Amino acid sequence: TSGKPVSSWTCLLDLEGLNMRHLWRPGVKAL
């Protein structure tokens, strides 16, 4: 649709609310 090569996407990562519960080790390991 754009008429030019597009091979990747952009990620907008909002980290508001990130705290130590996100460092839960099984979650980090899965990530």
PDB file of all heavy atoms in Angstrom:
ATOM      1  N   THR A   1       0.797  -1.224   0.000  1.00  0.00           N
ATOM      2  CA  THR A   1       0.000   0.000   0.000  1.00  0.00           C
ATOM      3  C   THR A   1       0.832   1.278   0.000  1.00  0.00           C
ATOM      4  O   THR A   1       0.393   2.301  -0.520  1.00  0.00           O
ATOM      5  CB  THR A   1      -0.939   0.018   1.224  1.00  0.00           C
ATOM      6  OG1 THR A   1      -0.153  -0.097   2.427  1.00  0.00           O
ATOM      7  CG2 THR A   1      -1.923  -1.130   1.161  1.00  0.00           C
ATOM      8  N   SER A   2       2.051   1.216   0.572  1.00  0.00           N
ATOM      9  CA  SER A   2       2.849   2.437   0.693  1.00  0.00           C
ATOM     10  C   SER A   2       3.710   2.715  -0.530  1.00  0.00           C
ATOM     11  O   SER A   2       4.207   3.832  -0.700  1.00  0.00           O
ATOM     12  CB  SER A   2       3.749   2.363   1.932  1.00  0.00           C
ATOM     13  OG  SER A   2       4.727   1.337   1.782  1.00  0.00           O
ATOM     14  N   GLY A   3       3.917   1.710  -1.369  1.00  0.00           N
ATOM     15  CA  GLY A   3       4.741   1.908  -2.554  1.00  0.00           C
ATOM     16  C   GLY A   3       6.221   1.891  -2.266  1.00  0.00           C
ATOM     17  O   GLY A   3       7.025   2.285  -3.114  1.00  0.00           O
ATOM     18  N   LYS A   4       6.614   1.459  -1.075  1.00  0.00           N
ATOM     19  CA  LYS A   4       8.026   1.345  -0.726  1.00  0.00           C
ATOM     20  C   LYS A   4       8.216   0.132   0.183  1.00  0.00           C
ATOM     21  O   LYS A   4       7.260  -0.316   0.832  1.00  0.00           O
ATOM     22  CB  LYS A   4       8.513   2.617  -0.016  1.00  0.00           C
ATOM     23  CG  LYS A   4       7.790   2.914   1.286  1.00  0.00           C
ATOM     24  CD  LYS A   4       8.299   4.213   1.911  1.00  0.00           C
ATOM     25  CE  LYS A   4       7.575   4.512   3.221  1.00  0.00           C
ATOM     26  NZ  LYS A   4       8.052   5.770   3.835  1.00  0.00           N
ATOM     27  N   PRO A   5       9.427  -0.416   0.220  1.00  0.00           N
ATOM     28  CA  PRO A   5       9.636  -1.624   1.027  1.00  0.00           C
ATOM     29  C   PRO A   5       9.502  -1.355   2.516  1.00  0.00           C
ATOM     30  O   PRO A   5      10.110  -0.425   3.050  1.00  0.00           O
ATOM     31  CB  PRO A   5      11.065  -2.052   0.664  1.00  0.00           C
ATOM     32  CG  PRO A   5      11.724  -0.831   0.131  1.00  0.00           C
ATOM     33  CD  PRO A   5      10.643  -0.031  -0.514  1.00  0.00           C
ATOM     34  N   VAL A   6       8.686  -2.158   3.185  1.00  0.00           N
ATOM     35  CA  VAL A   6       8.537  -2.117   4.644  1.00  0.00           C
ATOM     36  C   VAL A   6       8.799  -3.531   5.154  1.00  0.00           C
ATOM     37  O   VAL A   6       8.106  -4.471   4.765  1.00  0.00           O
ATOM     38  CB  VAL A   6       7.124  -1.653   5.063  1.00  0.00           C
ATOM     39  CG1 VAL A   6       6.989  -1.669   6.586  1.00  0.00           C
ATOM     40  CG2 VAL A   6       6.828  -0.268   4.511  1.00  0.00           C
ATOM     41  N   SER A   7       9.799  -3.686   5.982  1.00  0.00           N
ATOM     42  CA  SER A   7      10.192  -5.023   6.425  1.00  0.00           C
ATOM     43  C   SER A   7      10.101  -5.221   7.928  1.00  0.00           C
ATOM     44  O   SER A   7      10.363  -6.308   8.422  1.00  0.00           O
ATOM     45  CB  SER A   7      11.637  -5.312   5.974  1.00  0.00           C
ATOM     46  OG  SER A   7      12.533  -4.370   6.539  1.00  0.00           O
ATOM     47  N   SER A   8       9.736  -4.175   8.669  1.00  0.00           N
ATOM     48  CA  SER A   8       9.718  -4.292  10.127  1.00  0.00           C
ATOM     49  C   SER A   8       8.613  -3.422  10.698  1.00  0.00           C
ATOM     50  O   SER A   8       7.969  -2.662   9.981  1.00  0.00           O
ATOM     51  CB  SER A   8      11.077  -3.881  10.711  1.00  0.00           C
ATOM     52  OG  SER A   8      11.400  -2.545  10.331  1.00  0.00           O
ATOM     53  N   TRP A   9       8.392  -3.544  11.999  1.00  0.00           N
ATOM     54  CA  TRP A   9       7.378  -2.735  12.651  1.00  0.00           C
ATOM     55  C   TRP A   9       7.980  -1.971  13.824  1.00  0.00           C
ATOM     56  O   TRP A   9       9.102  -2.218  14.241  1.00  0.00           O
ATOM     57  CB  TRP A   9       6.187  -3.574  13.111  1.00  0.00           C
ATOM     58  CG  TRP A   9       6.509  -4.727  14.012  1.00  0.00           C
ATOM     59  CD1 TRP A   9       6.714  -4.708  15.352  1.00  0.00           C
ATOM     60  CD2 TRP A   9       6.637  -6.104  13.620  1.00  0.00           C
ATOM     61  NE1 TRP A   9       6.965  -5.973  15.834  1.00  0.00           N
ATOM     62  CE2 TRP A   9       6.921  -6.849  14.794  1.00  0.00           C
ATOM     63  CE3 TRP A   9       6.538  -6.776  12.406  1.00  0.00           C
ATOM     64  CZ2 TRP A   9       7.112  -8.223  14.769  1.00  0.00           C
ATOM     65  CZ3 TRP A   9       6.736  -8.152  12.391  1.00  0.00           C
ATOM     66  CH2 TRP A   9       7.006  -8.860  13.548  1.00  0.00           C
ATOM     67  N   THR A  10       7.206  -1.028  14.335  1.00  0.00           N
ATOM     68  CA  THR A  10       7.629  -0.198  15.464  1.00  0.00           C
ATOM     69  C   THR A  10       6.848  -0.598  16.704  1.00  0.00           C
ATOM     70  O   THR A  10       5.647  -0.870  16.623  1.00  0.00           O
ATOM     71  CB  THR A  10       7.394   1.294  15.157  1.00  0.00           C
ATOM     72  OG1 THR A  10       8.307   1.713  14.142  1.00  0.00           O
ATOM     73  CG2 THR A  10       7.610   2.159  16.387  1.00  0.00           C
ATOM     74  N   CYS A  11       7.534  -0.646  17.828  1.00  0.00           N
ATOM     75  CA  CYS A  11       6.876  -0.963  19.098  1.00  0.00           C
ATOM     76  C   CYS A  11       6.914   0.270  19.994  1.00  0.00           C
ATOM     77  O   CYS A  11       7.983   0.845  20.237  1.00  0.00           O
ATOM     78  CB  CYS A  11       7.571  -2.133  19.791  1.00  0.00           C
ATOM     79  SG  CYS A  11       6.820  -2.575  21.387  1.00  0.00           S
ATOM     80  N   LEU A  12       5.745   0.690  20.457  1.00  0.00           N
ATOM     81  CA  LEU A  12       5.631   1.773  21.429  1.00  0.00           C
ATOM     82  C   LEU A  12       5.392   1.126  22.787  1.00  0.00           C
ATOM     83  O   LEU A  12       4.337   0.534  23.028  1.00  0.00           O
ATOM     84  CB  LEU A  12       4.489   2.713  21.056  1.00  0.00           C
ATOM     85  CG  LEU A  12       4.182   3.850  22.042  1.00  0.00           C
ATOM     86  CD1 LEU A  12       5.407   4.728  22.269  1.00  0.00           C
ATOM     87  CD2 LEU A  12       3.014   4.693  21.544  1.00  0.00           C
ATOM     88  N   LEU A  13       6.376   1.228  23.661  1.00  0.00           N
ATOM     89  CA  LEU A  13       6.353   0.533  24.945  1.00  0.00           C
ATOM     90  C   LEU A  13       6.121   1.540  26.070  1.00  0.00           C
ATOM     91  O   LEU A  13       6.984   2.369  26.364  1.00  0.00           O
ATOM     92  CB  LEU A  13       7.683  -0.209  25.147  1.00  0.00           C
ATOM     93  CG  LEU A  13       7.755  -1.269  26.232  1.00  0.00           C
ATOM     94  CD1 LEU A  13       6.763  -2.390  25.963  1.00  0.00           C
ATOM     95  CD2 LEU A  13       9.169  -1.838  26.319  1.00  0.00           C
ATOM     96  N   ASP A  14       4.953   1.458  26.699  1.00  0.00           N
ATOM     97  CA  ASP A  14       4.617   2.353  27.808  1.00  0.00           C
ATOM     98  C   ASP A  14       4.886   1.627  29.122  1.00  0.00           C
ATOM     99  O   ASP A  14       4.317   0.565  29.392  1.00  0.00           O
ATOM    100  CB  ASP A  14       3.141   2.755  27.712  1.00  0.00           C
ATOM    101  CG  ASP A  14       2.719   3.639  28.876  1.00  0.00           C
ATOM    102  OD1 ASP A  14       3.588   4.334  29.445  1.00  0.00           O
ATOM    103  OD2 ASP A  14       1.523   3.626  29.224  1.00  0.00           O
ATOM    104  N   LEU A  15       5.767   2.212  29.940  1.00  0.00           N
ATOM    105  CA  LEU A  15       6.186   1.548  31.174  1.00  0.00           C
ATOM    106  C   LEU A  15       5.580   2.169  32.426  1.00  0.00           C
ATOM    107  O   LEU A  15       6.008   1.845  33.539  1.00  0.00           O
ATOM    108  CB  LEU A  15       7.720   1.574  31.282  1.00  0.00           C
ATOM    109  CG  LEU A  15       8.482   0.869  30.156  1.00  0.00           C
ATOM    110  CD1 LEU A  15       9.972   0.885  30.440  1.00  0.00           C
ATOM    111  CD2 LEU A  15       8.004  -0.560  29.972  1.00  0.00           C
ATOM    112  N   GLU A  16       4.607   3.048  32.275  1.00  0.00           N
ATOM    113  CA  GLU A  16       3.987   3.615  33.468  1.00  0.00           C
ATOM    114  C   GLU A  16       3.335   2.503  34.284  1.00  0.00           C
ATOM    115  O   GLU A  16       2.566   1.696  33.764  1.00  0.00           O
ATOM    116  CB  GLU A  16       2.926   4.649  33.096  1.00  0.00           C
ATOM    117  CG  GLU A  16       2.348   5.337  34.328  1.00  0.00           C
ATOM    118  CD  GLU A  16       1.251   6.318  33.983  1.00  0.00           C
ATOM    119  OE1 GLU A  16       0.332   5.930  33.244  1.00  0.00           O
ATOM    120  OE2 GLU A  16       1.315   7.468  34.446  1.00  0.00           O
ATOM    121  N   GLY A  17       3.638   2.477  35.571  1.00  0.00           N
ATOM    122  CA  GLY A  17       3.101   1.433  36.446  1.00  0.00           C
ATOM    123  C   GLY A  17       4.068   0.283  36.668  1.00  0.00           C
ATOM    124  O   GLY A  17       3.805  -0.605  37.487  1.00  0.00           O
ATOM    125  N   LEU A  18       5.199   0.280  35.945  1.00  0.00           N
ATOM    126  CA  LEU A  18       6.182  -0.791  36.131  1.00  0.00           C
ATOM    127  C   LEU A  18       6.769  -0.708  37.541  1.00  0.00           C
ATOM    128  O   LEU A  18       7.185   0.358  37.985  1.00  0.00           O
ATOM    129  CB  LEU A  18       7.296  -0.667  35.100  1.00  0.00           C
ATOM    130  CG  LEU A  18       8.275  -1.842  35.005  1.00  0.00           C
ATOM    131  CD1 LEU A  18       7.630  -3.006  34.272  1.00  0.00           C
ATOM    132  CD2 LEU A  18       9.548  -1.420  34.281  1.00  0.00           C
ATOM    133  N   ASN A  19       6.784  -1.823  38.241  1.00  0.00           N
ATOM    134  CA  ASN A  19       7.354  -1.851  39.584  1.00  0.00           C
ATOM    135  C   ASN A  19       8.002  -3.202  39.843  1.00  0.00           C
ATOM    136  O   ASN A  19       8.159  -4.016  38.922  1.00  0.00           O
ATOM    137  CB  ASN A  19       6.287  -1.534  40.637  1.00  0.00           C
ATOM    138  CG  ASN A  19       5.080  -2.458  40.523  1.00  0.00           C
ATOM    139  OD1 ASN A  19       5.224  -3.670  40.357  1.00  0.00           O
ATOM    140  ND2 ASN A  19       3.886  -1.888  40.597  1.00  0.00           N
ATOM    141  N   MET A  20       8.362  -3.449  41.085  1.00  0.00           N
ATOM    142  CA  MET A  20       9.119  -4.660  41.395  1.00  0.00           C
ATOM    143  C   MET A  20       8.329  -5.947  41.165  1.00  0.00           C
ATOM    144  O   MET A  20       8.914  -7.008  41.009  1.00  0.00           O
ATOM    145  CB  MET A  20       9.619  -4.614  42.838  1.00  0.00           C
ATOM    146  CG  MET A  20      10.717  -3.575  43.087  1.00  0.00           C
ATOM    147  SD  MET A  20      12.159  -3.769  42.016  1.00  0.00           S
ATOM    148  CE  MET A  20      12.780  -5.358  42.555  1.00  0.00           C
ATOM    149  N   ARG A  21       7.004  -5.860  41.136  1.00  0.00           N
ATOM    150  CA  ARG A  21       6.252  -7.090  40.870  1.00  0.00           C
ATOM    151  C   ARG A  21       6.503  -7.592  39.448  1.00  0.00           C
ATOM    152  O   ARG A  21       6.318  -8.777  39.155  1.00  0.00           O
ATOM    153  CB  ARG A  21       4.756  -6.875  41.115  1.00  0.00           C
ATOM    154  CG  ARG A  21       4.076  -5.919  40.146  1.00  0.00           C
ATOM    155  CD  ARG A  21       2.612  -5.715  40.520  1.00  0.00           C
ATOM    156  NE  ARG A  21       1.985  -4.679  39.724  1.00  0.00           N
ATOM    157  CZ  ARG A  21       1.448  -4.878  38.525  1.00  0.00           C
ATOM    158  NH1 ARG A  21       1.467  -6.083  38.000  1.00  0.00           N
ATOM    159  NH2 ARG A  21       0.897  -3.880  37.862  1.00  0.00           N
ATOM    160  N   HIS A  22       6.940  -6.677  38.571  1.00  0.00           N
ATOM    161  CA  HIS A  22       7.266  -7.104  37.213  1.00  0.00           C
ATOM    162  C   HIS A  22       8.611  -7.820  37.158  1.00  0.00           C
ATOM    163  O   HIS A  22       8.961  -8.403  36.128  1.00  0.00           O
ATOM    164  CB  HIS A  22       7.274  -5.902  36.263  1.00  0.00           C
ATOM    165  CG  HIS A  22       5.915  -5.316  36.020  1.00  0.00           C
ATOM    166  ND1 HIS A  22       5.389  -4.311  36.797  1.00  0.00           N
ATOM    167  CD2 HIS A  22       4.970  -5.607  35.090  1.00  0.00           C
ATOM    168  CE1 HIS A  22       4.180  -4.003  36.360  1.00  0.00           C
ATOM    169  NE2 HIS A  22       3.904  -4.770  35.324  1.00  0.00           N
ATOM    170  N   LEU A  23       9.367  -7.746  38.246  1.00  0.00           N
ATOM    171  CA  LEU A  23      10.639  -8.477  38.313  1.00  0.00           C
ATOM    172  C   LEU A  23      10.459  -9.848  38.938  1.00  0.00           C
ATOM    173  O   LEU A  23      11.423 -10.459  39.386  1.00  0.00           O
ATOM    174  CB  LEU A  23      11.665  -7.666  39.121  1.00  0.00           C
ATOM    175  CG  LEU A  23      12.095  -6.343  38.480  1.00  0.00           C
ATOM    176  CD1 LEU A  23      13.120  -5.657  39.358  1.00  0.00           C
ATOM    177  CD2 LEU A  23      12.661  -6.576  37.096  1.00  0.00           C
ATOM    178  N   TRP A  24       9.233 -10.317  38.986  1.00  0.00           N
ATOM    179  CA  TRP A  24       8.936 -11.679  39.437  1.00  0.00           C
ATOM    180  C   TRP A  24       9.751 -12.645  38.592  1.00  0.00           C
ATOM    181  O   TRP A  24       9.637 -12.677  37.367  1.00  0.00           O
ATOM    182  CB  TRP A  24       7.438 -11.913  39.273  1.00  0.00           C
ATOM    183  CG  TRP A  24       6.939 -13.258  39.646  1.00  0.00           C
ATOM    184  CD1 TRP A  24       7.058 -13.883  40.848  1.00  0.00           C
ATOM    185  CD2 TRP A  24       6.192 -14.132  38.794  1.00  0.00           C
ATOM    186  NE1 TRP A  24       6.438 -15.096  40.806  1.00  0.00           N
ATOM    187  CE2 TRP A  24       5.900 -15.284  39.561  1.00  0.00           C
ATOM    188  CE3 TRP A  24       5.756 -14.064  37.483  1.00  0.00           C
ATOM    189  CZ2 TRP A  24       5.185 -16.346  39.044  1.00  0.00           C
ATOM    190  CZ3 TRP A  24       5.044 -15.111  36.958  1.00  0.00           C
ATOM    191  CH2 TRP A  24       4.768 -16.243  37.739  1.00  0.00           C
ATOM    192  N   ARG A  25      10.612 -13.399  39.236  1.00  0.00           N
ATOM    193  CA  ARG A  25      11.619 -14.166  38.507  1.00  0.00           C
ATOM    194  C   ARG A  25      11.048 -15.129  37.468  1.00  0.00           C
ATOM    195  O   ARG A  25      11.562 -15.190  36.352  1.00  0.00           O
ATOM    196  CB  ARG A  25      12.510 -14.918  39.498  1.00  0.00           C
ATOM    197  CG  ARG A  25      13.430 -14.024  40.295  1.00  0.00           C
ATOM    198  CD  ARG A  25      14.338 -13.209  39.398  1.00  0.00           C
ATOM    199  NE  ARG A  25      15.196 -14.022  38.557  1.00  0.00           N
ATOM    200  CZ  ARG A  25      16.040 -13.557  37.665  1.00  0.00           C
ATOM    201  NH1 ARG A  25      16.133 -12.251  37.482  1.00  0.00           N
ATOM    202  NH2 ARG A  25      16.794 -14.355  36.942  1.00  0.00           N
ATOM    203  N   PRO A  26      10.007 -15.903  37.766  1.00  0.00           N
ATOM    204  CA  PRO A  26       9.459 -16.762  36.704  1.00  0.00           C
ATOM    205  C   PRO A  26       8.987 -15.964  35.500  1.00  0.00           C
ATOM    206  O   PRO A  26       9.128 -16.397  34.359  1.00  0.00           O
ATOM    207  CB  PRO A  26       8.293 -17.475  37.401  1.00  0.00           C
ATOM    208  CG  PRO A  26       8.675 -17.474  38.843  1.00  0.00           C
ATOM    209  CD  PRO A  26       9.367 -16.164  39.071  1.00  0.00           C
ATOM    210  N   GLY A  27       8.428 -14.761  35.766  1.00  0.00           N
ATOM    211  CA  GLY A  27       7.989 -13.914  34.659  1.00  0.00           C
ATOM    212  C   GLY A  27       9.151 -13.413  33.833  1.00  0.00           C
ATOM    213  O   GLY A  27       9.102 -13.400  32.603  1.00  0.00           O
ATOM    214  N   VAL A  28      10.218 -12.988  34.512  1.00  0.00           N
ATOM    215  CA  VAL A  28      11.407 -12.524  33.800  1.00  0.00           C
ATOM    216  C   VAL A  28      12.025 -13.667  33.003  1.00  0.00           C
ATOM    217  O   VAL A  28      12.452 -13.486  31.854  1.00  0.00           O
ATOM    218  CB  VAL A  28      12.439 -11.939  34.793  1.00  0.00           C
ATOM    219  CG1 VAL A  28      13.747 -11.625  34.075  1.00  0.00           C
ATOM    220  CG2 VAL A  28      11.892 -10.679  35.446  1.00  0.00           C
ATOM    221  N   LYS A  29      12.060 -14.856  33.615  1.00  0.00           N
ATOM    222  CA  LYS A  29      12.628 -16.009  32.917  1.00  0.00           C
ATOM    223  C   LYS A  29      11.816 -16.353  31.668  1.00  0.00           C
ATOM    224  O   LYS A  29      12.376 -16.645  30.607  1.00  0.00           O
ATOM    225  CB  LYS A  29      12.679 -17.214  33.855  1.00  0.00           C
ATOM    226  CG  LYS A  29      13.413 -18.412  33.278  1.00  0.00           C
ATOM    227  CD  LYS A  29      13.559 -19.521  34.308  1.00  0.00           C
ATOM    228  CE  LYS A  29      14.321 -20.716  33.718  1.00  0.00           C
ATOM    229  NZ  LYS A  29      14.476 -21.810  34.709  1.00  0.00           N
ATOM    230  N   ALA A  30      10.494 -16.290  31.801  1.00  0.00           N
ATOM    231  CA  ALA A  30       9.641 -16.547  30.634  1.00  0.00           C
ATOM    232  C   ALA A  30       9.872 -15.487  29.564  1.00  0.00           C
ATOM    233  O   ALA A  30       9.936 -15.795  28.363  1.00  0.00           O
ATOM    234  CB  ALA A  30       8.172 -16.573  31.053  1.00  0.00           C
ATOM    235  N   LEU A  31      10.020 -14.226  29.992  1.00  0.00           N
ATOM    236  CA  LEU A  31      10.270 -13.140  29.047  1.00  0.00           C
ATOM    237  C   LEU A  31      11.582 -13.354  28.299  1.00  0.00           C
ATOM    238  O   LEU A  31      11.658 -13.168  27.077  1.00  0.00           O
ATOM    239  CB  LEU A  31      10.306 -11.807  29.795  1.00  0.00           C
ATOM    240  CG  LEU A  31      10.697 -10.571  28.970  1.00  0.00           C
ATOM    241  CD1 LEU A  31       9.696 -10.338  27.844  1.00  0.00           C
ATOM    242  CD2 LEU A  31      10.804  -9.341  29.860  1.00  0.00           C
TER     243      LEU A  31
END
